[in-house]
Structures are given as C-alpha cells and as structure tokens.
C-alpha cells in the first residue's frame, strides 16, 4: 500500500495526531516487556536484564556470573555477559523558520518537516521512550522536556502547528545569531544519552549548525534529516521564469546551461558539507524530498 503524505502549505493538529496510527516498517531492538524504562539496549556491558554472550573468565569478573555448564564443558572458567538497559530519551528538533517556507511540488518543506517530526515522536513513544521536542521558529523557540505520555507529545505537536501556521511570504529570515542561540538552548536541554533528531534544510550551513551538531554528538546519538525540495536540486525545464520572495521579483532563463550547472553545484556543495560534518561527528544522516512519502527504510528511526 502506498503511504499518503501531508500536502499543502500548512499542517493542522489533527493530521499530526493521526500519524500515531500510521504503520511503520523498520527493524528495531525488541522492547523489554513490563519495563518502566526505554526499550533500547546500550552497548555497555555488566549485570543487566538481557543476556549478551559467554566469554572466558577474566580477573575481576563477578563470580556470580560464571556459566558453570560452559565451564564444565570446556574445562575452563567462562562467564556470562549482559547488556544493561539504559533509558535514552528522544528529543525531536524541527525547523519552522522562513527558509522552510518553500515548496514547488505537493507541499512545503515546513510541512514535510512537521510530518517527519510527528512520525519520529510517535515512534519513540511506541518504544516506551520519554519524548520531548523543540520547535525552531522565526521569532522564538518552543521547548518541551521529555515525558512518556501522549499528552506531552500532543502539546509539542500543537506548538509545531502554531509555528507552522505563523509562517508567511512576508516574514523575515531568522538571523544566524538568533538560530545559534536557539541551538545553544537545545544543548542545555540534552546533556547526555539522548537520541536527538534534527529535521531541517540546514540553511545556511554555517558555524552555528556545525558547533551544535559536534557538541551534541559527543554524548548523544544524533540523527540529521535534511528536507529539500526538487526545485532546489534542479531548475525547471528550459523557459523564462519570474520568481518573487513577496517583496522583490527576478527573471531568469532556465535554459542557460552555465546557470543550471552552478545551481546544481550549490545544492551538491551544501549536501557535501553536511554529509562531511555528519561523518566526522558519527551522526546518522538522511535526506528527504518534499514530493515523496517519508522514507523510513534508511534506518534513521
């Protein structure tokens, strides 16, 4: 069955709440039943609730974890290892600033970002995580600390809708200094062992993004989801076009091959910068186009 996707220039709360029921197919660690904590398992090893493996006994190992059957079979002491369950709160950071108020097909980037954010939040709750959110807006920021309940996500999504519907053609672009301060607020909220989704077009790709992503990835798992519109990748078919930002108007001829090449090169350079940054910081990265359904097969959820 083909997944539907949110359309148009704006979202409403009912649409984002309904995404809780959308089936998502992807591999995840199975939940631990009847556990009050998050369902993911850390890589830390020690005494825990989930068996990991048996290895040869080493000085300092707890004698209570010795596997006597394997020890007797191999005639050498062996010990059991366990993976500790560790809670990892989820924080969904979604961009609803002026650069996201753009789209040429199906919907705007701001709408696509809202859909991705809602899916990430609902899926985290389905896995029994505490879920919080941050909405980056043109004029301010909405911060929701992580909680493990539907009402908390509904409050986050309500603010997401409010910021989304406040976007307009006449709004001014958010200064980089303001965005940098808002990203610092995210760093203050997520100290360590969070799973943090950044959903944005990452425009412009400046020091504010680099500093925030590097800092947060040191002690957290960070996932960057870049939202782009097909028109940002390639100019439309050869013809003469007029474009406007609501204030000024420009004319250009899309058949100019030098212009088309430079236009695509700008997009690819931005993509390369972001991919390099994510690679350096061990950040999981994916890109999604506005004219396609939200892709959950890339392992970003």
Protein backbone atom coordinates (compact mmCIF):
# COMPACT_ATOMS: atom_id res chain seq x y z
CA UNK A 1 0.00 0.00 0.00
CA UNK A 2 1.35 3.43 -0.93
CA UNK A 3 1.76 5.75 2.02
CA UNK A 4 -0.11 9.02 1.92
CA UNK A 5 1.68 12.23 2.78
CA UNK A 6 0.64 15.55 4.20
CA UNK A 7 0.06 18.15 1.50
CA UNK A 8 -0.16 21.88 1.01
CA UNK A 9 1.32 24.94 2.69
CA UNK A 10 0.26 24.28 6.29
CA UNK A 11 -0.49 21.42 8.68
CA UNK A 12 -3.18 21.09 11.31
CA UNK A 13 -3.08 19.28 14.63
CA UNK A 14 -5.49 16.52 13.65
CA UNK A 15 -3.17 15.48 10.80
CA UNK A 16 -0.17 15.19 13.10
CA UNK A 17 -2.13 13.35 15.79
CA UNK A 18 -3.39 10.88 13.20
CA UNK A 19 0.16 9.93 12.29
CA UNK A 20 0.28 7.96 15.53
CA UNK A 21 -1.73 5.27 13.75
CA UNK A 22 0.43 5.10 10.63
CA UNK A 23 2.19 1.71 10.42
CA UNK A 24 5.96 1.96 10.14
CA UNK A 25 8.06 -0.96 8.93
CA UNK A 26 11.65 -0.98 10.13
CA UNK A 27 13.97 -3.04 12.31
CA UNK A 28 14.38 -2.07 15.92
CA UNK A 29 15.58 -3.74 19.08
CA UNK A 30 12.58 -5.58 20.57
CA UNK A 31 11.03 -3.89 23.60
CA UNK A 32 11.56 -5.26 27.08
CA UNK A 33 8.13 -6.20 28.39
CA UNK A 34 6.79 -4.62 31.57
CA UNK A 35 9.77 -2.26 31.82
CA UNK A 36 9.30 1.33 33.08
CA UNK A 37 12.32 2.43 31.05
CA UNK A 38 13.06 2.91 27.36
CA UNK A 39 13.23 -0.23 25.28
CA UNK A 40 16.64 0.21 23.65
CA UNK A 41 19.71 -1.55 24.96
CA UNK A 42 23.02 0.19 25.45
CA UNK A 43 26.38 -1.17 24.36
CA UNK A 44 27.56 -1.06 27.96
CA UNK A 45 28.15 -4.47 29.43
CA UNK A 46 27.66 -5.54 33.01
CA UNK A 47 24.99 -7.06 35.22
CA UNK A 48 21.70 -6.36 33.50
CA UNK A 49 18.49 -7.90 32.32
CA UNK A 50 19.39 -9.06 28.82
CA UNK A 51 21.89 -11.85 28.10
CA UNK A 52 24.61 -10.93 25.60
CA UNK A 53 27.25 -13.67 25.34
CA UNK A 54 29.59 -16.06 27.15
CA UNK A 55 33.34 -15.48 27.16
CA UNK A 56 36.39 -16.76 29.04
CA UNK A 57 36.55 -15.64 32.66
CA UNK A 58 38.82 -12.65 33.27
CA UNK A 59 40.26 -11.44 36.59
CA UNK A 60 37.78 -9.04 38.15
CA UNK A 61 34.67 -10.67 36.69
CA UNK A 62 31.84 -11.26 39.14
CA UNK A 63 31.95 -14.94 40.16
CA UNK A 64 28.16 -14.92 40.35
CA UNK A 65 28.05 -14.65 36.54
CA UNK A 66 30.12 -17.78 35.88
CA UNK A 67 28.42 -20.11 33.42
CA UNK A 68 29.01 -23.49 35.07
CA UNK A 69 27.74 -25.53 32.14
CA UNK A 70 30.16 -23.96 29.65
CA UNK A 71 32.93 -24.06 32.28
CA UNK A 72 32.43 -27.80 32.75
CA UNK A 73 32.22 -28.47 29.01
CA UNK A 74 35.37 -26.53 28.12
CA UNK A 75 37.23 -27.24 31.35
CA UNK A 76 37.99 -23.51 31.67
CA UNK A 77 36.00 -20.89 33.61
CA UNK A 78 33.59 -18.86 31.47
CA UNK A 79 31.34 -16.01 32.50
CA UNK A 80 28.05 -14.61 31.19
CA UNK A 81 27.83 -11.05 29.92
CA UNK A 82 24.70 -8.96 29.95
CA UNK A 83 23.68 -5.80 28.20
CA UNK A 84 22.35 -3.17 30.53
CA UNK A 85 19.15 -1.46 29.62
CA UNK A 86 19.63 2.26 29.67
CA UNK A 87 16.95 4.84 29.13
CA UNK A 88 17.57 7.09 26.17
CA UNK A 89 15.11 9.99 25.97
CA UNK A 90 14.19 11.20 22.50
CA UNK A 91 14.32 14.87 21.52
CA UNK A 92 12.82 15.97 18.20
CA UNK A 93 14.17 19.31 16.98
CA UNK A 94 12.22 20.60 14.00
CA UNK A 95 12.92 23.71 11.93
CA UNK A 96 9.97 26.00 11.15
CA UNK A 97 11.92 29.09 10.15
CA UNK A 98 11.50 31.10 6.97
CA UNK A 99 13.83 29.03 4.79
CA UNK A 100 11.47 26.07 5.32
CA UNK A 101 8.52 28.03 3.87
CA UNK A 102 9.24 26.88 0.34
CA UNK A 103 7.97 24.17 -1.97
CA UNK A 104 7.33 23.57 -5.66
CA UNK A 105 5.51 20.21 -5.57
CA UNK A 106 2.95 18.61 -3.26
CA UNK A 107 3.88 20.55 -0.10
CA UNK A 108 6.29 22.98 1.50
CA UNK A 109 9.46 21.92 3.31
CA UNK A 110 7.91 23.10 6.58
CA UNK A 111 5.01 20.66 6.13
CA UNK A 112 7.31 17.76 5.27
CA UNK A 113 9.44 18.54 8.34
CA UNK A 114 6.36 18.60 10.55
CA UNK A 115 5.30 15.18 9.27
CA UNK A 116 8.76 13.69 9.83
CA UNK A 117 8.90 15.17 13.34
CA UNK A 118 5.50 13.75 14.28
CA UNK A 119 6.41 10.28 12.98
CA UNK A 120 9.68 10.33 14.95
CA UNK A 121 7.88 11.40 18.14
CA UNK A 122 5.12 8.80 17.89
CA UNK A 123 7.54 6.00 17.08
CA UNK A 124 9.71 6.89 20.08
CA UNK A 125 6.65 6.77 22.34
CA UNK A 126 5.66 3.42 20.82
CA UNK A 127 9.03 2.15 22.03
CA UNK A 128 8.29 3.44 25.53
CA UNK A 129 10.78 6.32 25.40
CA UNK A 130 10.34 9.67 27.05
CA UNK A 131 9.80 12.14 24.21
CA UNK A 132 10.43 15.88 24.07
CA UNK A 133 10.58 18.41 21.29
CA UNK A 134 11.98 21.75 20.21
CA UNK A 135 10.36 23.90 17.53
CA UNK A 136 12.68 26.47 15.96
CA UNK A 137 10.56 29.39 14.76
CA UNK A 138 11.18 32.72 13.07
CA UNK A 139 10.81 34.76 16.24
CA UNK A 140 11.36 32.35 19.13
CA UNK A 141 11.63 28.72 20.16
CA UNK A 142 9.23 26.28 21.85
CA UNK A 143 10.87 23.79 24.22
CA UNK A 144 9.16 20.67 25.56
CA UNK A 145 11.03 18.48 28.02
CA UNK A 146 10.77 14.71 27.51
CA UNK A 147 7.82 12.85 29.06
CA UNK A 148 6.41 9.42 28.45
CA UNK A 149 2.77 10.18 27.59
CA UNK A 150 0.52 11.11 24.72
CA UNK A 151 -0.47 14.49 26.19
CA UNK A 152 3.15 15.67 26.18
CA UNK A 153 3.55 14.82 22.50
CA UNK A 154 0.22 16.48 21.72
CA UNK A 155 1.46 19.69 23.38
CA UNK A 156 4.67 19.55 21.33
CA UNK A 157 2.72 18.97 18.11
CA UNK A 158 0.34 21.79 18.99
CA UNK A 159 3.26 24.21 19.18
CA UNK A 160 4.65 22.76 15.96
CA UNK A 161 1.35 23.53 14.23
CA UNK A 162 1.27 27.02 15.73
CA UNK A 163 4.75 27.84 14.45
CA UNK A 164 3.98 26.26 11.09
CA UNK A 165 0.83 28.31 10.57
CA UNK A 166 2.66 31.51 11.56
CA UNK A 167 4.91 31.23 8.50
CA UNK A 168 4.09 33.53 5.60
CA UNK A 169 5.61 35.03 2.47
CA UNK A 170 6.20 38.37 4.20
CA UNK A 171 8.01 37.03 7.27
CA UNK A 172 11.68 37.94 7.63
CA UNK A 173 14.53 35.46 7.61
CA UNK A 174 15.81 34.38 11.02
CA UNK A 175 19.24 35.91 11.74
CA UNK A 176 22.05 33.37 12.14
CA UNK A 177 22.83 34.77 15.59
CA UNK A 178 19.27 34.02 16.74
CA UNK A 179 19.43 30.48 15.38
CA UNK A 180 22.78 29.95 17.10
CA UNK A 181 21.28 30.96 20.45
CA UNK A 182 18.34 28.59 19.98
CA UNK A 183 20.68 25.71 19.21
CA UNK A 184 22.57 26.51 22.42
CA UNK A 185 19.26 26.09 24.26
CA UNK A 186 18.97 22.61 22.72
CA UNK A 187 22.45 21.81 24.05
CA UNK A 188 21.41 22.91 27.53
CA UNK A 189 18.39 20.62 27.42
CA UNK A 190 20.12 17.48 26.07
CA UNK A 191 23.06 16.77 28.35
CA UNK A 192 23.90 13.13 27.67
CA UNK A 193 22.49 9.85 26.33
CA UNK A 194 19.67 11.42 24.32
CA UNK A 195 18.53 10.41 20.87
CA UNK A 196 18.19 13.75 19.06
CA UNK A 197 16.53 14.23 15.68
CA UNK A 198 17.37 17.42 13.79
CA UNK A 199 14.86 17.98 10.98
CA UNK A 200 15.75 20.98 8.83
CA UNK A 201 17.10 22.15 5.50
CA UNK A 202 20.22 23.29 7.42
CA UNK A 203 20.27 26.56 5.51
CA UNK A 204 22.63 28.29 5.76
CA UNK A 205 25.20 25.62 6.65
CA UNK A 206 27.21 27.82 9.00
CA UNK A 207 29.20 27.54 12.21
CA UNK A 208 26.01 27.56 14.29
CA UNK A 209 24.98 24.18 12.89
CA UNK A 210 28.49 22.75 12.96
CA UNK A 211 29.09 23.75 16.57
CA UNK A 212 25.74 22.42 17.78
CA UNK A 213 25.95 19.10 15.97
CA UNK A 214 29.53 18.47 17.05
CA UNK A 215 28.79 19.36 20.68
CA UNK A 216 25.63 17.26 20.94
CA UNK A 217 27.04 14.22 19.15
CA UNK A 218 29.80 13.81 21.76
CA UNK A 219 27.44 12.41 24.38
CA UNK A 220 24.24 11.70 22.44
CA UNK A 221 23.02 9.84 19.40
CA UNK A 222 22.21 12.47 16.77
CA UNK A 223 20.21 11.93 13.59
CA UNK A 224 20.15 14.66 10.94
CA UNK A 225 17.27 14.66 8.46
CA UNK A 226 17.69 17.15 5.65
CA UNK A 227 14.46 18.24 3.95
CA UNK A 228 14.77 19.58 0.42
CA UNK A 229 12.53 20.49 -2.48
CA UNK A 230 13.18 19.14 -6.00
CA UNK A 231 13.39 22.71 -7.31
CA UNK A 232 16.38 23.30 -5.02
CA UNK A 233 18.22 20.47 -6.76
CA UNK A 234 17.44 21.32 -10.38
CA UNK A 235 15.98 24.28 -12.20
CA UNK A 236 12.70 23.74 -14.07
CA UNK A 237 12.63 22.93 -17.81
CA UNK A 238 14.11 25.47 -20.19
CA UNK A 239 11.96 28.60 -20.29
CA UNK A 240 11.86 32.16 -18.97
CA UNK A 241 10.61 32.43 -15.36
CA UNK A 242 9.76 35.14 -12.87
CA UNK A 243 10.22 34.49 -9.15
CA UNK A 244 9.43 36.57 -6.10
CA UNK A 245 10.05 36.44 -2.36
CA UNK A 246 6.98 38.59 -1.72
CA UNK A 247 8.99 41.81 -1.91
CA UNK A 248 11.34 41.65 -4.90
CA UNK A 249 10.98 39.99 -8.29
CA UNK A 250 13.62 38.36 -10.50
CA UNK A 251 13.57 36.98 -14.03
CA UNK A 252 15.84 34.25 -15.37
CA UNK A 253 16.10 31.85 -18.29
CA UNK A 254 16.34 28.24 -17.15
CA UNK A 255 17.88 27.11 -20.43
CA UNK A 256 21.21 28.72 -19.57
CA UNK A 257 23.48 25.69 -19.06
CA UNK A 258 26.04 27.63 -17.04
CA UNK A 259 23.27 28.79 -14.71
CA UNK A 260 21.86 25.27 -14.39
CA UNK A 261 25.28 23.84 -13.60
CA UNK A 262 26.03 26.49 -10.98
CA UNK A 263 22.60 26.00 -9.45
CA UNK A 264 23.05 22.25 -9.05
CA UNK A 265 26.62 22.71 -7.80
CA UNK A 266 25.38 24.91 -4.98
CA UNK A 267 22.95 22.22 -3.85
CA UNK A 268 25.57 19.48 -4.07
CA UNK A 269 28.14 21.57 -2.18
CA UNK A 270 25.68 22.08 0.66
CA UNK A 271 24.94 18.36 0.66
CA UNK A 272 28.65 17.52 0.73
CA UNK A 273 29.30 19.89 3.66
CA UNK A 274 26.51 18.37 5.70
CA UNK A 275 27.50 14.79 4.87
CA UNK A 276 31.13 15.51 5.80
CA UNK A 277 30.08 17.08 9.09
CA UNK A 278 27.87 14.13 9.95
CA UNK A 279 30.61 11.69 9.01
CA UNK A 280 33.14 13.44 11.26
CA UNK A 281 30.74 13.52 14.21
CA UNK A 282 29.33 9.99 13.74
CA UNK A 283 25.88 11.44 13.06
CA UNK A 284 23.34 9.37 11.15
CA UNK A 285 22.27 11.34 8.08
CA UNK A 286 19.45 11.08 5.57
CA UNK A 287 17.81 13.41 3.05
CA UNK A 288 14.15 13.50 2.08
CA UNK A 289 12.42 15.29 -0.78
CA UNK A 290 9.15 17.14 -0.25
CA UNK A 291 7.43 15.37 -3.14
CA UNK A 292 7.97 11.85 -1.77
CA UNK A 293 6.47 9.97 1.20
CA UNK A 294 8.53 9.95 4.36
CA UNK A 295 11.16 7.26 3.86
CA UNK A 296 11.61 5.10 6.97
CA UNK A 297 13.73 2.40 5.33
CA UNK A 298 17.04 4.23 5.75
CA UNK A 299 17.41 3.30 9.41
CA UNK A 300 17.02 6.85 10.72
CA UNK A 301 14.13 5.95 13.07
